[in-house]
Amino acid sequence: MSTMPSHSAVAVGDERLAHEVAGESGSLKRTLKLRHLVFIGLAYMAPLAVFDMFGIVADVTSGHVPLAYLVVMIAVLFTAFSYSRMVRFFPIAGSAYTYAKEAINAHLGFLVGWVATLDYLLLPMINAILSAIYMTAVIPDVPFWVWVLLTVAICTVLNLVGVKLAASMNVILVSIQLVVAVVFVVLTVINIVNGANGAEFTARPFISSDVQGAAIAAGAAILALSFLGFDAVSTLAEEAERPERDIPRAIFIIIAVAGAFFLTVTYVMQTLFPDVTQLADIVGASPEIAKYIGGAAFQAIFVGGYMMAVLGCGITQQMSAARLLYAMGRDGALPRRLFGTVNPRTGVPVVNVLIVALVALTALFVDLDQAASMINFGAFIAFTFVNLSVIFVFFRFLKRRTAGAWVTFVAVPAVGVAINVWLWLSLDPISMIIGGIWLALGVVYLLVQTRGLRAPAPDLTGPINISMYE
C-alpha cells in the first residue's frame, strides 16, 4: 500500500528525531542489529502495497505487472548500491537530502529535500484514496467521498489529541498484512490449479509478443510507490551497531524480500486474470479478486485487514508530515509564526495537522494513478541524486581512482541515474506539472531566503551530531 511515510522524505523527519534525541541525551544509542534494520525497512514499505496499483498497472501494461515490477526492482537495486556507497562515507542519519548537500552542493541539497517534502504531504492523500476504494468495494452504496472524509477525519482527530502508534502496533499491523497476503496467494493458486477463469501457469506475465517498452516503463513508474521505504534504514545509521556493514546489507535484503513478495503475488494475480478489463472495477481490482477467490467472507477479511493497516499508516503519515512542517518552521526553513508553534496543552502542532488534513482532502479530486505519480515525482528525483552523489564523491573526495572504483563509483551509479530519469520521464503529464510547480516554488523560496544564493541554504535537518566519529 505504501501508505507509510518513506524514502528521503521520511529521512528528513527521522533525522529531526535523531538530532533532538541526541541533543537531549548526549548521543544516540547504537542498539540496532541487522534483523532490526530489516524489519523496520519492511514495516515502512507495508506488504499490502502490492495490491494498491495492480488493476491500474495491469491495464497500462496489458497484463504484465510482474515484468513492470521487475524493471522497477532493478532500478531500485542500482540506487540501493549507491546508498551502500554513501553510508560508508557518511555514517550519520543520512538521506538523499544529506548526501546531495554534502557531496554536491548545499543549495541543490535543499531542493532535493524540498521535493521530498511534497511526498510527505501527499502520502495522507493517497492513503485516503485507497481507504475509499477498498471500502466502496465492500459497501458500494456509500459514496466514495464519505470514506475519504471519514478517513481524514479519524486520522486528524487522533493526531489532535496526541495519540501515537507504539512500535508494537507496527509489528501487529505488519503481521496482519502478511497473513492476509499469504492467504490471498494460497487461495489464488488453488483457483489457478482448479482451472478457474481458464487460468494456467505460463511465462506470459513476464514476457509475450505484445510487450511494449513504453507501457512497461509507465507501469514501473507507478509501481515505484511500492518500494518507497527501502532506504528508510539509512536514517538509522547513528543507531545501528555496525552501520557501514549492516545498513547496506539491510537495504539489499529488504529489496530482495519485498521484490520476491511483490513478484510472487502479482504473478499469481496476473495469471488468474491476464485481462483485468473483464473485472467490473479496474482500480478496485484487488478486493474484487479477493471476492472471486474466497467469496464475500474472505473479501471482508481482506478489506478489514487492509483498513487496519490504512488507518494505522494514515495516523503515522499525518503525524510525520505535521512534525516535519513544525521542525522546518521551528528552525526557520519555513515561516516560524505559522509552522513553528504547538498547542501548549497537548504539545501538538495543531495548525500543521490541519494543513496536512486539507492537503489530504484533495483525494476527493485526484485519481489513484495520478496520486501515485505525484509521489513518485519526488522519489525518482531523490533516487537520481543519491546516484549522482556517489559520482561526485568519486571526483571530489576519492584519492585512489582504481579501475574497480571507476566501476562502482561512476559506471554503476550512472546506470542508476539513467534508469531513474527514464522512469521519471514516464510519469503522467499532470504529475510532472504539479511536481514542477512545487519545485519552482522551492527555487523561488531558496532564492529569497539566500538572497540570490549568497547566503547558506536553509537547513532541513539542523546540526548533525558527529562527535562520536571524531
Protein backbone atom coordinates (compact mmCIF):
# COMPACT_ATOMS: atom_id res chain seq x y z
CA MET A 1 0.00 0.00 0.00
CA SER A 2 2.99 2.28 0.53
CA THR A 3 0.96 4.33 2.88
CA MET A 4 3.82 4.63 5.31
CA PRO A 5 5.90 7.81 5.02
CA SER A 6 9.01 6.77 3.28
CA HIS A 7 12.18 7.26 1.23
CA SER A 8 14.02 10.57 1.57
CA ALA A 9 11.02 12.43 2.94
CA VAL A 10 10.97 10.08 5.87
CA ALA A 11 14.68 10.54 6.17
CA VAL A 12 14.24 14.25 6.79
CA GLY A 13 11.74 13.60 9.57
CA ASP A 14 13.77 10.77 11.06
CA GLU A 15 16.89 12.89 11.06
CA ARG A 16 14.97 15.51 13.03
CA LEU A 17 14.12 12.93 15.62
CA ALA A 18 17.70 11.74 15.69
CA HIS A 19 19.08 15.20 16.33
CA GLU A 20 16.56 16.00 19.03
CA VAL A 21 17.25 12.74 20.83
CA ALA A 22 20.95 13.34 20.53
CA GLY A 23 20.55 16.82 21.90
CA GLU A 24 18.59 15.62 24.91
CA SER A 25 20.66 12.61 25.88
CA GLY A 26 24.13 13.40 24.53
CA SER A 27 24.29 10.78 21.80
CA LEU A 28 22.21 8.18 20.07
CA LYS A 29 22.42 4.61 21.34
CA ARG A 30 23.84 2.00 18.98
CA THR A 31 21.38 -0.81 19.65
CA LEU A 32 20.01 -1.84 16.25
CA LYS A 33 21.21 -5.14 14.77
CA LEU A 34 20.79 -6.26 11.17
CA ARG A 35 17.47 -8.02 11.86
CA HIS A 36 16.05 -4.86 13.46
CA LEU A 37 17.01 -2.77 10.44
CA VAL A 38 15.44 -5.25 8.02
CA PHE A 39 12.13 -5.34 9.90
CA ILE A 40 11.98 -1.54 10.18
CA GLY A 41 12.51 -1.19 6.43
CA LEU A 42 9.83 -3.77 5.62
CA ALA A 43 7.42 -2.08 8.05
CA TYR A 44 7.94 1.25 6.28
CA MET A 45 7.18 -0.32 2.89
CA ALA A 46 3.96 -2.05 4.07
CA PRO A 47 3.48 -5.51 2.47
CA LEU A 48 -0.04 -4.85 1.19
CA ALA A 49 1.42 -2.17 -1.12
CA VAL A 50 1.40 -4.89 -3.75
CA PHE A 51 -2.41 -4.72 -4.03
CA ASP A 52 -2.72 -0.96 -4.44
CA MET A 53 -1.93 -0.46 -8.11
CA PHE A 54 -2.42 -3.92 -9.58
CA GLY A 55 -5.54 -3.17 -11.64
CA ILE A 56 -4.27 0.15 -12.97
CA VAL A 57 -0.82 -1.19 -13.92
CA ALA A 58 -2.26 -4.40 -15.37
CA ASP A 59 -4.34 -2.23 -17.68
CA VAL A 60 -1.43 0.07 -18.57
CA THR A 61 0.98 -2.82 -19.29
CA SER A 62 -1.58 -5.08 -20.97
CA GLY A 63 -1.20 -7.80 -18.37
CA HIS A 64 2.50 -7.57 -17.48
CA VAL A 65 2.53 -6.29 -13.90
CA PRO A 66 5.29 -8.73 -12.77
CA LEU A 67 7.54 -7.51 -15.61
CA ALA A 68 6.94 -3.88 -14.59
CA TYR A 69 7.81 -4.82 -11.00
CA LEU A 70 11.00 -6.48 -12.21
CA VAL A 71 12.01 -3.30 -14.06
CA VAL A 72 11.46 -1.02 -11.08
CA MET A 73 13.19 -3.54 -8.81
CA ILE A 74 16.30 -3.35 -11.00
CA ALA A 75 16.17 0.45 -10.82
CA VAL A 76 15.88 0.31 -7.04
CA LEU A 77 18.80 -2.14 -6.80
CA PHE A 78 21.09 0.30 -8.62
CA THR A 79 20.02 3.06 -6.25
CA ALA A 80 20.46 0.70 -3.28
CA PHE A 81 24.03 0.12 -4.39
CA SER A 82 24.60 3.87 -4.33
CA TYR A 83 23.13 4.07 -0.82
CA SER A 84 25.59 1.38 0.24
CA ARG A 85 28.42 3.54 -1.08
CA MET A 86 27.21 6.73 0.57
CA VAL A 87 26.57 5.27 4.01
CA ARG A 88 30.25 4.32 4.18
CA PHE A 89 31.28 7.93 3.60
CA PHE A 90 28.54 9.49 5.71
CA PRO A 91 27.67 7.00 8.53
CA ILE A 92 25.26 9.52 10.00
CA ALA A 93 21.49 9.87 9.84
CA GLY A 94 21.50 10.12 6.07
CA SER A 95 19.09 10.67 3.22
CA ALA A 96 19.07 11.86 -0.36
CA TYR A 97 18.96 15.41 1.03
CA THR A 98 22.01 14.89 3.24
CA TYR A 99 24.00 13.12 0.55
CA ALA A 100 23.29 15.76 -2.10
CA LYS A 101 24.09 18.53 0.38
CA GLU A 102 27.41 17.02 1.47
CA ALA A 103 28.61 15.58 -1.84
CA ILE A 104 27.31 18.07 -4.40
CA ASN A 105 26.02 21.41 -3.14
CA ALA A 106 24.07 22.65 -0.10
CA HIS A 107 21.63 24.72 -2.18
CA LEU A 108 20.96 21.81 -4.51
CA GLY A 109 20.57 19.55 -1.49
CA PHE A 110 17.88 21.88 -0.15
CA LEU A 111 15.89 21.50 -3.38
CA VAL A 112 16.17 17.71 -3.19
CA GLY A 113 14.82 17.87 0.36
CA TRP A 114 12.12 20.33 -0.72
CA VAL A 115 10.85 17.95 -3.40
CA ALA A 116 10.89 15.11 -0.86
CA THR A 117 8.68 17.19 1.41
CA LEU A 118 5.96 17.09 -1.26
CA ASP A 119 5.87 13.31 -0.92
CA TYR A 120 5.45 13.66 2.81
CA LEU A 121 2.47 15.97 2.34
CA LEU A 122 0.81 13.80 -0.31
CA LEU A 123 1.03 10.42 1.40
CA PRO A 124 -2.06 11.07 3.59
CA MET A 125 -3.95 11.92 0.40
CA ILE A 126 -3.17 8.60 -1.29
CA ASN A 127 -4.00 6.82 1.96
CA ALA A 128 -7.49 8.37 1.90
CA ILE A 129 -7.96 7.37 -1.75
CA LEU A 130 -7.04 3.76 -1.02
CA SER A 131 -9.32 3.66 2.00
CA ALA A 132 -12.26 4.85 -0.08
CA ILE A 133 -11.55 2.42 -2.93
CA TYR A 134 -11.48 -0.62 -0.66
CA MET A 135 -14.47 0.35 1.45
CA THR A 136 -16.52 1.17 -1.65
CA ALA A 137 -15.81 -2.33 -2.95
CA VAL A 138 -17.43 -3.83 0.17
CA ILE A 139 -20.16 -1.23 0.76
CA PRO A 140 -20.86 0.27 -2.68
CA ASP A 141 -23.98 2.12 -1.54
CA VAL A 142 -21.87 4.58 0.49
CA PRO A 143 -20.41 7.31 -1.76
CA PHE A 144 -16.64 7.47 -2.32
CA TRP A 145 -16.35 10.94 -0.79
CA VAL A 146 -17.83 9.77 2.52
CA TRP A 147 -14.99 7.29 3.04
CA VAL A 148 -12.42 9.96 2.13
CA LEU A 149 -13.86 12.38 4.68
CA LEU A 150 -14.11 9.68 7.38
CA THR A 151 -10.52 8.53 6.88
CA VAL A 152 -9.11 12.07 7.00
CA ALA A 153 -11.33 12.98 9.96
CA ILE A 154 -10.34 9.94 12.04
CA CYS A 155 -6.62 10.45 11.41
CA THR A 156 -6.90 14.18 12.13
CA VAL A 157 -8.82 13.79 15.39
CA LEU A 158 -6.43 11.16 16.70
CA ASN A 159 -3.47 13.35 15.84
CA LEU A 160 -5.01 16.40 17.50
CA VAL A 161 -5.45 14.55 20.79
CA GLY A 162 -1.85 13.42 20.62
CA VAL A 163 -2.32 9.70 20.03
CA LYS A 164 0.83 7.93 18.82
CA LEU A 165 1.29 4.42 17.47
CA ALA A 166 3.66 2.35 19.54
CA ALA A 167 6.29 0.18 17.90
CA SER A 168 4.37 -2.90 18.98
CA MET A 169 1.39 -1.66 16.95
CA ASN A 170 3.55 -1.57 13.83
CA VAL A 171 4.53 -5.19 14.44
CA ILE A 172 0.86 -6.18 14.73
CA LEU A 173 -0.12 -4.26 11.60
CA VAL A 174 2.68 -5.77 9.50
CA SER A 175 1.87 -9.26 10.80
CA ILE A 176 -1.82 -8.85 9.86
CA GLN A 177 -0.84 -7.71 6.38
CA LEU A 178 1.49 -10.67 5.86
CA VAL A 179 -1.13 -13.20 6.99
CA VAL A 180 -3.79 -11.68 4.72
CA ALA A 181 -1.38 -11.60 1.77
CA VAL A 182 -0.28 -15.22 2.26
CA VAL A 183 -3.90 -16.43 2.44
CA PHE A 184 -4.66 -14.37 -0.69
CA VAL A 185 -1.81 -16.07 -2.61
CA VAL A 186 -2.79 -19.56 -1.44
CA LEU A 187 -6.41 -19.08 -2.49
CA THR A 188 -5.33 -17.66 -5.85
CA VAL A 189 -3.03 -20.61 -6.52
CA ILE A 190 -5.83 -23.04 -5.63
CA ASN A 191 -8.10 -21.30 -8.13
CA ILE A 192 -5.44 -21.48 -10.85
CA VAL A 193 -4.77 -25.17 -10.21
CA ASN A 194 -8.51 -25.82 -10.45
CA GLY A 195 -8.61 -24.05 -13.80
CA ALA A 196 -10.72 -21.11 -12.66
CA ASN A 197 -11.20 -18.46 -15.35
CA GLY A 198 -9.28 -20.77 -17.73
CA ALA A 199 -6.03 -19.86 -15.99
CA GLU A 200 -2.78 -21.80 -16.19
CA PHE A 201 0.80 -21.11 -15.13
CA THR A 202 2.84 -19.60 -18.01
CA ALA A 203 5.60 -17.05 -18.51
CA ARG A 204 3.22 -14.57 -20.15
CA PRO A 205 3.04 -12.13 -17.18
CA PHE A 206 6.81 -11.60 -17.70
CA ILE A 207 7.21 -11.87 -21.43
CA SER A 208 4.98 -12.10 -24.50
CA SER A 209 4.83 -10.89 -28.08
CA ASP A 210 2.76 -7.82 -27.20
CA VAL A 211 5.15 -6.33 -24.63
CA GLN A 212 5.66 -2.60 -25.20
CA GLY A 213 8.65 -0.86 -23.61
CA ALA A 214 6.89 2.47 -23.10
CA ALA A 215 3.94 0.78 -21.40
CA ILE A 216 6.22 -1.22 -19.10
CA ALA A 217 8.11 1.95 -18.19
CA ALA A 218 4.85 3.76 -17.42
CA GLY A 219 3.73 0.85 -15.23
CA ALA A 220 7.10 0.68 -13.47
CA ALA A 221 6.95 4.42 -12.81
CA ILE A 222 3.68 3.90 -10.94
CA LEU A 223 4.84 0.77 -9.10
CA ALA A 224 7.88 2.54 -7.67
CA LEU A 225 5.48 3.63 -4.93
CA SER A 226 5.56 0.06 -3.58
CA PHE A 227 9.31 0.20 -2.96
CA LEU A 228 9.39 3.57 -1.23
CA GLY A 229 10.80 2.97 2.22
CA PHE A 230 13.65 0.60 1.42
CA ASP A 231 16.07 3.44 2.15
CA ALA A 232 14.43 4.40 5.46
CA VAL A 233 17.07 2.39 7.31
CA SER A 234 19.75 4.79 6.03
CA THR A 235 18.33 7.32 8.52
CA LEU A 236 19.24 4.94 11.38
CA ALA A 237 22.97 4.93 10.73
CA GLU A 238 23.70 6.57 14.10
CA GLU A 239 21.71 3.90 15.93
CA ALA A 240 22.96 0.80 14.12
CA GLU A 241 25.64 -1.24 15.88
CA ARG A 242 27.66 -1.61 12.67
CA PRO A 243 26.29 0.93 10.20
CA GLU A 244 28.94 0.58 7.48
CA ARG A 245 28.27 -3.17 7.27
CA ASP A 246 24.66 -3.64 8.34
CA ILE A 247 22.93 -0.68 6.63
CA PRO A 248 23.95 -1.79 3.09
CA ARG A 249 23.12 -5.41 3.90
CA ALA A 250 19.73 -4.44 5.31
CA ILE A 251 18.88 -2.37 2.22
CA PHE A 252 19.63 -5.23 -0.17
CA ILE A 253 17.81 -7.79 1.99
CA ILE A 254 14.75 -5.53 2.20
CA ILE A 255 14.64 -5.08 -1.59
CA ALA A 256 15.17 -8.80 -2.21
CA VAL A 257 12.45 -9.88 0.22
CA ALA A 258 9.96 -7.21 -0.88
CA GLY A 259 10.73 -7.76 -4.56
CA ALA A 260 10.24 -11.53 -4.32
CA PHE A 261 6.98 -10.95 -2.46
CA PHE A 262 5.69 -8.41 -4.99
CA LEU A 263 6.64 -10.61 -7.96
CA THR A 264 5.02 -13.70 -6.45
CA VAL A 265 1.74 -12.00 -5.55
CA THR A 266 1.33 -10.16 -8.85
CA TYR A 267 2.33 -13.24 -10.86
CA VAL A 268 -0.48 -15.36 -9.44
CA MET A 269 -2.95 -12.47 -9.71
CA GLN A 270 -1.98 -11.77 -13.32
CA THR A 271 -2.10 -15.49 -14.15
CA LEU A 272 -5.64 -15.77 -12.82
CA PHE A 273 -6.72 -12.53 -14.53
CA PRO A 274 -4.47 -11.89 -17.56
CA ASP A 275 -7.04 -9.38 -18.80
CA VAL A 276 -8.27 -7.12 -15.99
CA THR A 277 -10.79 -5.43 -18.25
CA GLN A 278 -13.08 -8.37 -17.51
CA LEU A 279 -13.31 -7.09 -13.93
CA ALA A 280 -16.06 -4.65 -13.01
CA ASP A 281 -13.66 -2.18 -11.38
CA ILE A 282 -10.06 -1.98 -12.61
CA VAL A 283 -9.00 0.49 -9.89
CA GLY A 284 -10.51 -1.72 -7.20
CA ALA A 285 -9.26 -4.93 -8.81
CA SER A 286 -7.68 -6.42 -5.69
CA PRO A 287 -10.81 -6.51 -3.46
CA GLU A 288 -12.79 -7.81 -6.45
CA ILE A 289 -10.27 -10.60 -6.98
CA ALA A 290 -10.39 -11.34 -3.23
CA LYS A 291 -14.13 -11.94 -3.56
CA TYR A 292 -13.62 -14.11 -6.63
CA ILE A 293 -11.07 -16.42 -4.98
CA GLY A 294 -12.58 -16.62 -1.49
CA GLY A 295 -16.11 -15.31 -1.59
CA ALA A 296 -17.66 -12.38 0.26
CA ALA A 297 -16.34 -13.63 3.61
CA PHE A 298 -12.70 -13.52 2.51
CA GLN A 299 -13.25 -10.19 0.79
CA ALA A 300 -14.47 -8.77 4.11
CA ILE A 301 -11.40 -10.22 5.89
CA PHE A 302 -9.11 -8.89 3.16
CA VAL A 303 -10.56 -5.38 3.26
CA GLY A 304 -10.72 -5.43 7.07
CA GLY A 305 -7.03 -6.29 7.40
CA TYR A 306 -6.21 -3.71 4.79
CA MET A 307 -8.21 -1.00 6.54
CA MET A 308 -6.48 -1.63 9.87
CA ALA A 309 -3.18 -1.02 8.16
CA VAL A 310 -4.53 2.00 6.26
CA LEU A 311 -5.73 3.75 9.41
CA GLY A 312 -2.54 2.94 11.29
CA CYS A 313 -0.43 4.24 8.45
CA GLY A 314 -2.67 7.27 7.97
CA ILE A 315 -2.26 8.36 11.57
CA THR A 316 1.51 8.00 11.32
CA GLN A 317 1.68 9.79 7.98
CA GLN A 318 -0.24 12.80 9.14
CA MET A 319 1.75 12.96 12.35
CA SER A 320 5.05 12.72 10.47
CA ALA A 321 4.11 15.35 7.90
CA ALA A 322 2.88 17.75 10.57
CA ARG A 323 6.04 17.17 12.60
CA LEU A 324 8.25 17.81 9.60
CA LEU A 325 6.49 21.11 8.90
CA TYR A 326 6.85 22.05 12.58
CA ALA A 327 10.55 21.23 12.61
CA MET A 328 11.15 23.26 9.46
CA GLY A 329 9.15 26.16 10.91
CA ARG A 330 10.92 26.00 14.26
CA ASP A 331 14.34 26.24 12.60
CA GLY A 332 13.33 28.95 10.13
CA ALA A 333 13.22 26.89 6.93
CA LEU A 334 9.50 27.82 6.81
CA PRO A 335 7.74 30.83 8.41
CA ARG A 336 8.10 30.23 12.16
CA ARG A 337 4.90 32.03 13.21
CA LEU A 338 2.69 29.73 11.14
CA PHE A 339 4.52 26.40 11.20
CA GLY A 340 6.73 26.56 14.30
CA THR A 341 4.13 26.56 17.09
CA VAL A 342 2.47 23.81 19.13
CA ASN A 343 -0.56 23.68 21.39
CA PRO A 344 0.80 24.28 24.92
CA ARG A 345 -1.63 21.80 26.45
CA THR A 346 -1.31 18.83 24.06
CA GLY A 347 2.09 19.53 22.55
CA VAL A 348 0.58 19.00 19.08
CA PRO A 349 1.36 21.31 16.11
CA VAL A 350 -2.35 21.88 15.51
CA VAL A 351 -2.03 24.21 12.51
CA ASN A 352 0.28 21.78 10.75
CA VAL A 353 -2.03 18.83 11.41
CA LEU A 354 -4.93 20.78 9.88
CA ILE A 355 -2.84 21.84 6.88
CA VAL A 356 -1.93 18.23 6.18
CA ALA A 357 -5.61 17.28 6.54
CA LEU A 358 -6.60 19.89 3.96
CA VAL A 359 -3.99 18.54 1.54
CA ALA A 360 -5.30 15.01 2.16
CA LEU A 361 -8.80 16.13 1.15
CA THR A 362 -7.54 16.61 -2.40
CA ALA A 363 -8.21 12.84 -2.54
CA LEU A 364 -11.73 13.92 -3.50
CA PHE A 365 -10.45 15.19 -6.85
CA VAL A 366 -7.38 13.05 -7.72
CA ASP A 367 -7.23 9.59 -9.29
CA LEU A 368 -5.13 6.86 -7.69
CA ASP A 369 -2.63 6.61 -10.54
CA GLN A 370 -2.17 10.38 -10.60
CA ALA A 371 -1.62 10.44 -6.84
CA ALA A 372 0.99 7.68 -7.11
CA SER A 373 2.76 9.50 -9.91
CA MET A 374 2.86 12.76 -7.93
CA ILE A 375 4.53 10.98 -5.03
CA ASN A 376 6.96 9.20 -7.34
CA PHE A 377 7.95 12.57 -8.87
CA GLY A 378 9.95 13.32 -5.75
CA ALA A 379 11.09 9.73 -5.28
CA PHE A 380 12.80 9.49 -8.66
CA ILE A 381 14.49 12.87 -8.15
CA ALA A 382 15.75 11.74 -4.75
CA PHE A 383 16.98 8.42 -6.14
CA THR A 384 18.67 10.19 -9.05
CA PHE A 385 20.61 12.47 -6.71
CA VAL A 386 21.69 9.61 -4.48
CA ASN A 387 23.32 8.08 -7.54
CA LEU A 388 24.78 11.43 -8.60
CA SER A 389 26.16 11.93 -5.09
CA VAL A 390 28.27 8.79 -5.45
CA ILE A 391 29.76 10.10 -8.69
CA PHE A 392 30.55 13.45 -7.04
CA VAL A 393 32.17 11.67 -4.09
CA PHE A 394 34.45 9.90 -6.56
CA PHE A 395 35.66 13.10 -8.23
CA ARG A 396 35.70 15.32 -5.13
CA PHE A 397 36.91 13.08 -2.32
CA LEU A 398 38.30 9.79 -3.59
CA LYS A 399 42.07 9.86 -3.97
CA ARG A 400 42.67 6.30 -5.21
CA ARG A 401 40.87 6.02 -8.54
CA THR A 402 41.37 2.38 -9.44
CA ALA A 403 39.54 0.53 -12.22
CA GLY A 404 37.22 -1.00 -9.62
CA ALA A 405 36.46 2.44 -8.20
CA TRP A 406 35.56 3.73 -11.67
CA VAL A 407 33.06 0.90 -11.99
CA THR A 408 31.47 1.15 -8.52
CA PHE A 409 31.58 4.93 -8.11
CA VAL A 410 30.92 6.07 -11.67
CA ALA A 411 29.61 3.38 -14.03
CA VAL A 412 27.05 1.70 -11.76
CA PRO A 413 25.63 4.98 -10.34
CA ALA A 414 25.48 6.40 -13.89
CA VAL A 415 23.25 3.49 -14.92
CA GLY A 416 21.14 4.20 -11.83
CA VAL A 417 20.80 7.84 -12.89
CA ALA A 418 19.76 6.84 -16.41
CA ILE A 419 17.12 4.34 -15.23
CA ASN A 420 15.62 6.72 -12.67
CA VAL A 421 15.48 9.60 -15.15
CA TRP A 422 13.83 7.26 -17.68
CA LEU A 423 11.18 6.27 -15.17
CA TRP A 424 10.76 9.88 -14.02
CA LEU A 425 10.07 10.95 -17.61
CA SER A 426 7.45 8.17 -17.84
CA LEU A 427 5.23 9.80 -15.20
CA ASP A 428 1.93 11.23 -16.37
CA PRO A 429 1.87 14.90 -17.53
CA ILE A 430 -0.34 16.18 -14.70
CA SER A 431 2.07 14.83 -12.09
CA MET A 432 5.00 16.41 -13.90
CA ILE A 433 3.19 19.76 -13.93
CA ILE A 434 2.28 19.64 -10.22
CA GLY A 435 5.74 18.42 -9.25
CA GLY A 436 7.32 21.06 -11.45
CA ILE A 437 5.25 23.80 -9.80
CA TRP A 438 6.32 22.57 -6.36
CA LEU A 439 9.96 22.51 -7.45
CA ALA A 440 9.64 26.03 -8.90
CA LEU A 441 8.21 27.27 -5.59
CA GLY A 442 11.21 25.72 -3.87
CA VAL A 443 13.60 27.52 -6.22
CA VAL A 444 11.89 30.87 -5.60
CA TYR A 445 11.86 30.29 -1.84
CA LEU A 446 15.53 29.33 -1.91
CA LEU A 447 16.49 32.43 -3.88
CA VAL A 448 14.60 34.68 -1.46
CA GLN A 449 15.96 33.00 1.68
CA THR A 450 19.55 33.02 0.43
CA ARG A 451 19.43 36.49 -1.18
CA GLY A 452 20.16 35.06 -4.60
CA LEU A 453 22.28 32.12 -3.34
CA ARG A 454 24.66 34.49 -1.49
CA ALA A 455 23.68 33.10 1.93
CA PRO A 456 23.68 29.48 3.15
CA ALA A 457 20.67 27.34 2.22
CA PRO A 458 18.01 26.78 4.89
CA ASP A 459 18.90 23.66 6.85
CA LEU A 460 16.22 20.97 6.74
CA THR A 461 17.83 18.82 9.44
CA GLY A 462 19.66 21.05 11.86
CA PRO A 463 23.18 20.43 13.15
CA ILE A 464 24.41 16.85 12.87
CA ASN A 465 25.95 15.38 15.99
CA ILE A 466 29.16 13.73 14.78
CA SER A 467 31.18 13.91 17.98
CA MET A 468 31.06 10.13 18.21
CA TYR A 469 33.05 9.90 14.98
CA GLU A 470 35.71 12.41 15.91
